Amino acid sequence: MSETPSIERAGTWVRRLYPDLSRRLIGEAFRTRLVTGPGGAKLSKGARVQEVDLDFRGLENFLKTLRTGKSLNVSILFEDASIWVIDKPAGMPSLPLHLHEKGTVTDWAFHQAPATAQEFSAIQPTLCPHRLDTGTSGVLVVAKTKESFEAWRTRFKSKEVQKSYLAWCWGNPSEETFTIDSPIGHCAGDRTRMRAHTEEGALMGLGREALTNFTVLKTLGDRFLCRADTETGVTHQVRVHLASIGHPLLGDELYDDQYEVRDTPLEHHLLRAVKLTSGELNFQADETAFSSLF
């Protein structure tokens, strides 16, 4: 007797054959017809089919292009056998969040050194042991090997890395130097936004520890330039701390309540990582152009 062909959900077949793809990425592959049924028919990942009914050629060819990367204009501040330290341009994502997202630091790294793609098993791995928001420019560490990625992750988790930023903010600061020591956590009901917790919230253990020291460098009417020094690395830390005291970044659509009525249209929020130090290592990006924007 011949064996009855196995029938399973289409997404299960893809997950079995491409284990590096997350459920979200598998869903994108079906929605964009990288995986199809007989004759190129569109399928949902929940459709029950035999393996022979699925056409993976589109996905296979697409994944090959992802692993070759893309030529992008990025300045290298430092390079050795284990890492690059780059000056990430504003507008470039630190990591790909979607299957079809291009122009990321991962894209750049794979094109820069194709062997890097073999060091990381994931289809679109995160190569940066820390990250900068897409709109934030400046110093970013990019790992060439899995070992260096893990070593730098340990440095960050152990608070062995200090970072300095320049930020253009709205308002007139009352002090030339000030410190914000407020834990930061996700906003209830909106996982894209973070919030600084009050002292009472901190006592309740809400959010993650976040401390930022600020120094005002220049005041120009309704805005000012400051340096922000951090020893913690919480998502959106500098942006959230400044917005929490009424001085949101210029161009910060996410945290500036007055963003829609501002008369200064900007493509990105104005935050630049200018310095990263860890032990004997000290990496710096140019400050002049950013400091002279106004």
Foldseek 3Di string as FASTA:
>chain_A
DDDDFDKAFQLVLCCVVQVLADSQQSQVCLVVQLKAFPPSHRDGSRDIDGPVRIDNNSVVVLLVLLLQADADDWAWQDDDPWKTKTFFAQQEFQFDPYSPDHRHPQRNLCNVPSVLSVQDSHSTDRQWLAGDHNRETGITIGTSHPVSSVVVVVCQVVLLKKWKKKFKWFADDPDQKDKDWFAKDADPPDRVDIATDDPVCVVVVPHDTWMWIKGWDADDVGMTMIMIMTSHGDVCRVQRRCLVVPIHFVAPPRRDPCNVVDPDDDPGTQMYTAWMDGVPDITGDDDPVSNPPD
